Amino acid sequence: MSLVHELEKTGNWLFRRRSWLPVAVLVLAVVYLFIANRSVIYFNYTWEIICILISVAGELLRSYTVGHVPRNTSGRNVTDQLADELNTTGIYSVVRHPLYVGNFLMWFGPVLFLRSVWCVIIFILAYWIYYERIIFAEEQYLRRKFGEAYDAWALRVKAVIPGFRHCRKPDLPFSLKNALKREYNSIVNLFLVFALLDLFRNIAVTGKVYIEPLYATLLVAAIVFWSVIRYLVKRTKFLHVAGR
């Protein structure tokens, strides 16, 4: 098997299992909390607000992206690559893979929570290796499907480094309903991860089972939000947007 085909095969395999990466990061982070220097990981309100804001920025980028795209693009499909059309305007005229950039920021926050330079370095390298192959497989699929249109777009727009030289207005207006429908699980998961890290940090540092009020409040608010959106998605058509 040629290297190109091997990379594509590996990328497709990782694509179907990309939801495992957050679980692996969380498990390793919890393990680290029990071996870290306790004086380093004590609760620090300012630092942890910064971590949360970085993750929220990633989620906002994801929400902005999916709020502008049509149906069957930028999806959460977990089996095969899927794209009925090529997104090249809006955020996709700035960076080719905004969702993966958003994912990075979302998980960079919890990694910074650990306050370890080595954890940051390991995470960046692991994320790079993991998603580089997924991106390779995705771009092979897009190149075969859209041909010269894809090559012309890829020539103008970098994969993960934003550039605003060729920025174009989105073809579709932003749909908050579509963003909520597609991202509500990610939002609650984000605050659940921080709450779990805080819980295990407190167990490791003090031996007591509790969650700081900051994280408890955010988690409760996120669960209420998730419950409302979940009901609207499953029981009503309130969040349905034609063609999205």
Protein backbone atom coordinates (compact mmCIF):
# COMPACT_ATOMS: atom_id res chain seq x y z
CA MET A 1 0.00 0.00 0.00
CA SER A 2 1.39 3.42 -0.99
CA LEU A 3 1.97 6.01 1.70
CA VAL A 4 -0.87 8.18 0.33
CA HIS A 5 -3.37 5.32 0.58
CA GLU A 6 -2.07 4.31 4.00
CA LEU A 7 -2.46 7.86 5.32
CA GLU A 8 -5.96 8.09 3.88
CA LYS A 9 -6.96 4.74 5.35
CA THR A 10 -5.58 5.72 8.76
CA GLY A 11 -7.32 9.09 8.53
CA ASN A 12 -10.69 7.50 7.77
CA TRP A 13 -10.21 5.07 10.66
CA LEU A 14 -9.45 7.96 13.02
CA PHE A 15 -12.34 9.99 11.56
CA ARG A 16 -14.81 7.31 12.66
CA ARG A 17 -13.28 7.30 16.14
CA ARG A 18 -12.56 10.99 16.58
CA SER A 19 -14.97 11.18 19.53
CA TRP A 20 -12.49 9.01 21.47
CA LEU A 21 -9.88 11.77 21.66
CA PRO A 22 -11.81 13.88 24.21
CA VAL A 23 -12.32 10.79 26.38
CA ALA A 24 -8.60 9.97 26.22
CA VAL A 25 -7.68 13.57 27.09
CA LEU A 26 -10.04 13.55 30.08
CA VAL A 27 -8.79 10.21 31.41
CA LEU A 28 -5.13 11.23 31.11
CA ALA A 29 -5.88 14.60 32.69
CA VAL A 30 -7.54 12.95 35.69
CA VAL A 31 -4.54 10.64 36.12
CA TYR A 32 -2.22 13.64 35.98
CA LEU A 33 -4.18 15.45 38.71
CA PHE A 34 -3.37 12.65 41.14
CA ILE A 35 0.37 12.76 40.46
CA ALA A 36 0.81 16.52 40.03
CA ASN A 37 2.32 18.86 42.59
CA ARG A 38 -0.67 19.86 44.74
CA SER A 39 0.58 23.40 45.23
CA VAL A 40 0.43 23.94 41.47
CA ILE A 41 -3.13 22.76 40.79
CA TYR A 42 -4.97 24.53 43.61
CA PHE A 43 -8.06 26.45 42.52
CA ASN A 44 -7.11 29.78 40.94
CA TYR A 45 -10.15 31.79 39.88
CA THR A 46 -8.42 34.07 37.36
CA TRP A 47 -6.47 31.30 35.62
CA GLU A 48 -9.47 29.01 35.41
CA ILE A 49 -11.69 31.73 33.98
CA ILE A 50 -9.04 32.15 31.27
CA CYS A 51 -9.15 28.39 30.57
CA ILE A 52 -12.94 28.45 30.35
CA LEU A 53 -12.93 31.47 28.02
CA ILE A 54 -10.46 29.76 25.66
CA SER A 55 -12.74 26.72 25.47
CA VAL A 56 -15.82 28.89 25.02
CA ALA A 57 -14.03 30.67 22.15
CA GLY A 58 -13.60 27.28 20.49
CA GLU A 59 -17.28 26.49 20.92
CA LEU A 60 -18.26 29.91 19.56
CA LEU A 61 -16.11 29.25 16.49
CA ARG A 62 -17.84 25.90 15.99
CA SER A 63 -21.27 27.46 16.48
CA TYR A 64 -20.52 30.30 14.07
CA THR A 65 -19.33 27.78 11.49
CA VAL A 66 -22.32 25.44 11.61
CA GLY A 67 -24.71 28.38 11.84
CA HIS A 68 -23.83 29.37 8.28
CA VAL A 69 -23.58 26.02 6.51
CA PRO A 70 -26.23 24.11 4.52
CA ARG A 71 -27.47 20.61 5.27
CA ASN A 72 -25.06 17.68 4.84
CA THR A 73 -21.90 19.75 5.23
CA SER A 74 -19.68 20.26 8.29
CA GLY A 75 -21.58 17.44 9.95
CA ARG A 76 -21.16 15.12 12.90
CA ASN A 77 -21.45 11.94 10.84
CA VAL A 78 -19.34 9.22 12.40
CA THR A 79 -19.20 6.62 9.64
CA ASP A 80 -18.11 8.14 6.33
CA GLN A 81 -17.08 11.48 4.88
CA LEU A 82 -20.09 13.52 3.74
CA ALA A 83 -20.35 16.77 1.78
CA ASP A 84 -23.15 17.59 -0.65
CA GLU A 85 -21.41 20.83 -1.57
CA LEU A 86 -18.11 22.58 -0.96
CA ASN A 87 -18.17 25.38 1.60
CA THR A 88 -15.80 28.14 0.45
CA THR A 89 -17.35 31.35 1.80
CA GLY A 90 -17.63 32.90 5.25
CA ILE A 91 -15.34 31.25 7.78
CA TYR A 92 -14.33 28.73 5.09
CA SER A 93 -12.75 31.57 3.11
CA VAL A 94 -10.55 32.25 6.14
CA VAL A 95 -9.53 28.71 7.13
CA ARG A 96 -10.35 25.33 5.55
CA HIS A 97 -11.01 23.44 8.77
CA PRO A 98 -12.65 25.83 11.26
CA LEU A 99 -14.37 23.03 13.18
CA TYR A 100 -11.06 21.36 13.96
CA VAL A 101 -9.57 24.69 15.02
CA GLY A 102 -12.60 25.10 17.29
CA ASN A 103 -12.10 21.61 18.68
CA PHE A 104 -8.49 22.42 19.46
CA LEU A 105 -9.42 25.53 21.43
CA MET A 106 -12.20 23.69 23.27
CA TRP A 107 -9.75 21.07 24.50
CA PHE A 108 -6.84 23.44 24.98
CA GLY A 109 -8.75 25.04 27.86
CA PRO A 110 -8.95 21.83 29.93
CA VAL A 111 -5.29 21.08 29.15
CA LEU A 112 -4.28 24.53 30.42
CA PHE A 113 -6.33 23.77 33.55
CA LEU A 114 -3.57 21.28 34.47
CA ARG A 115 -0.92 24.02 34.52
CA SER A 116 1.77 21.82 33.04
CA VAL A 117 4.02 22.83 30.14
CA TRP A 118 4.63 19.17 29.35
CA CYS A 119 0.91 18.43 29.19
CA VAL A 120 0.48 21.33 26.76
CA ILE A 121 3.33 20.11 24.54
CA ILE A 122 2.10 16.51 24.54
CA PHE A 123 -1.46 17.60 23.76
CA ILE A 124 -0.41 19.81 20.84
CA LEU A 125 1.73 17.04 19.32
CA ALA A 126 -0.98 14.40 19.82
CA TYR A 127 -3.68 16.64 18.38
CA TRP A 128 -1.49 17.51 15.41
CA ILE A 129 -0.71 13.87 14.60
CA TYR A 130 -4.32 12.75 15.17
CA TYR A 131 -6.08 15.42 13.15
CA GLU A 132 -3.43 15.73 10.45
CA ARG A 133 -4.43 12.29 9.24
CA ILE A 134 -8.15 13.01 9.53
CA ILE A 135 -7.69 16.21 7.54
CA PHE A 136 -5.66 14.35 4.91
CA ALA A 137 -8.42 11.76 4.43
CA GLU A 138 -11.11 14.45 4.35
CA GLU A 139 -9.26 16.50 1.77
CA GLN A 140 -8.67 13.45 -0.42
CA TYR A 141 -12.43 12.87 -0.40
CA LEU A 142 -13.17 16.50 -1.23
CA ARG A 143 -10.55 16.60 -3.99
CA ARG A 144 -12.03 13.54 -5.68
CA LYS A 145 -15.58 14.89 -5.39
CA PHE A 146 -15.10 18.55 -6.30
CA GLY A 147 -11.92 18.43 -8.38
CA GLU A 148 -10.62 21.77 -9.62
CA ALA A 149 -13.03 23.75 -7.44
CA TYR A 150 -11.45 22.18 -4.38
CA ASP A 151 -7.88 22.73 -5.63
CA ALA A 152 -8.57 26.40 -6.35
CA TRP A 153 -10.05 26.90 -2.87
CA ALA A 154 -7.22 25.02 -1.14
CA LEU A 155 -4.68 27.14 -3.02
CA ARG A 156 -6.21 30.32 -1.56
CA VAL A 157 -7.07 29.20 1.98
CA LYS A 158 -4.74 27.53 4.49
CA ALA A 159 -5.83 24.39 6.36
CA VAL A 160 -5.72 25.58 9.98
CA ILE A 161 -3.95 28.96 10.01
CA PRO A 162 -6.50 31.76 9.47
CA GLY A 163 -5.89 34.27 6.70
CA PHE A 164 -8.23 37.13 5.84
CA ARG A 165 -6.86 38.12 2.44
CA HIS A 166 -9.56 36.19 0.55
CA CYS A 167 -12.36 36.59 3.08
CA ARG A 168 -15.83 36.40 1.51
CA LYS A 169 -19.29 36.97 2.92
CA PRO A 170 -21.13 33.70 3.78
CA ASP A 171 -23.59 32.48 1.17
CA LEU A 172 -26.17 31.76 3.88
CA PRO A 173 -27.17 33.99 6.80
CA PHE A 174 -26.33 32.86 10.32
CA SER A 175 -28.99 30.57 11.82
CA LEU A 176 -28.98 30.50 15.61
CA LYS A 177 -31.51 27.66 15.49
CA ASN A 178 -29.19 25.54 13.38
CA ALA A 179 -26.23 26.30 15.63
CA LEU A 180 -28.19 25.37 18.77
CA LYS A 181 -29.52 22.18 17.19
CA ARG A 182 -26.09 21.01 16.13
CA GLU A 183 -23.97 22.19 19.05
CA TYR A 184 -26.02 21.76 22.23
CA ASN A 185 -24.30 18.48 23.09
CA SER A 186 -20.86 20.04 22.74
CA ILE A 187 -21.83 22.93 24.99
CA VAL A 188 -22.93 20.76 27.90
CA ASN A 189 -19.97 18.41 27.41
CA LEU A 190 -17.60 21.35 27.66
CA PHE A 191 -18.80 22.38 31.11
CA LEU A 192 -19.12 18.76 32.22
CA VAL A 193 -15.43 18.24 31.47
CA PHE A 194 -14.41 21.27 33.54
CA ALA A 195 -16.66 20.16 36.41
CA LEU A 196 -15.12 16.66 36.36
CA LEU A 197 -11.60 18.06 36.31
CA ASP A 198 -12.45 20.28 39.27
CA LEU A 199 -14.04 17.36 41.13
CA PHE A 200 -11.02 15.09 40.71
CA ARG A 201 -8.62 17.95 41.42
CA ASN A 202 -10.37 18.56 44.74
CA ILE A 203 -10.27 14.86 45.60
CA ALA A 204 -6.55 14.74 44.77
CA VAL A 205 -5.69 17.90 46.70
CA THR A 206 -7.99 17.72 49.74
CA GLY A 207 -9.37 14.19 49.75
CA LYS A 208 -12.88 15.66 49.77
CA VAL A 209 -15.60 15.18 47.16
CA TYR A 210 -16.92 18.57 46.07
CA ILE A 211 -17.12 20.95 43.12
CA GLU A 212 -16.22 24.62 43.32
CA PRO A 213 -19.28 26.94 43.08
CA LEU A 214 -17.97 28.34 39.77
CA TYR A 215 -18.07 24.96 38.06
CA ALA A 216 -21.23 23.79 39.81
CA THR A 217 -23.09 26.89 38.61
CA LEU A 218 -21.83 26.54 35.04
CA LEU A 219 -22.67 22.84 34.96
CA VAL A 220 -26.21 23.31 36.29
CA ALA A 221 -26.83 26.10 33.78
CA ALA A 222 -25.47 23.93 30.96
CA ILE A 223 -27.66 20.98 31.95
CA VAL A 224 -30.77 23.17 32.05
CA PHE A 225 -29.83 24.59 28.65
CA TRP A 226 -29.21 21.09 27.26
CA SER A 227 -32.55 19.81 28.58
CA VAL A 228 -34.48 22.65 26.95
CA ILE A 229 -32.73 22.32 23.58
CA ARG A 230 -32.98 18.53 23.70
CA TYR A 231 -36.73 18.79 24.19
CA LEU A 232 -37.08 21.26 21.33
CA VAL A 233 -35.01 19.06 19.00
CA LYS A 234 -36.73 15.77 19.84
CA ARG A 235 -40.30 16.88 20.52
CA THR A 236 -40.88 19.95 18.33
CA LYS A 237 -39.91 21.47 15.01
CA PHE A 238 -39.05 24.84 16.56
CA LEU A 239 -35.35 24.55 15.67
CA HIS A 240 -35.93 23.14 12.20
CA VAL A 241 -34.57 25.33 9.43
CA ALA A 242 -35.27 24.36 5.83
CA GLY A 243 -32.12 23.33 4.00
CA ARG A 244 -29.98 23.34 7.14
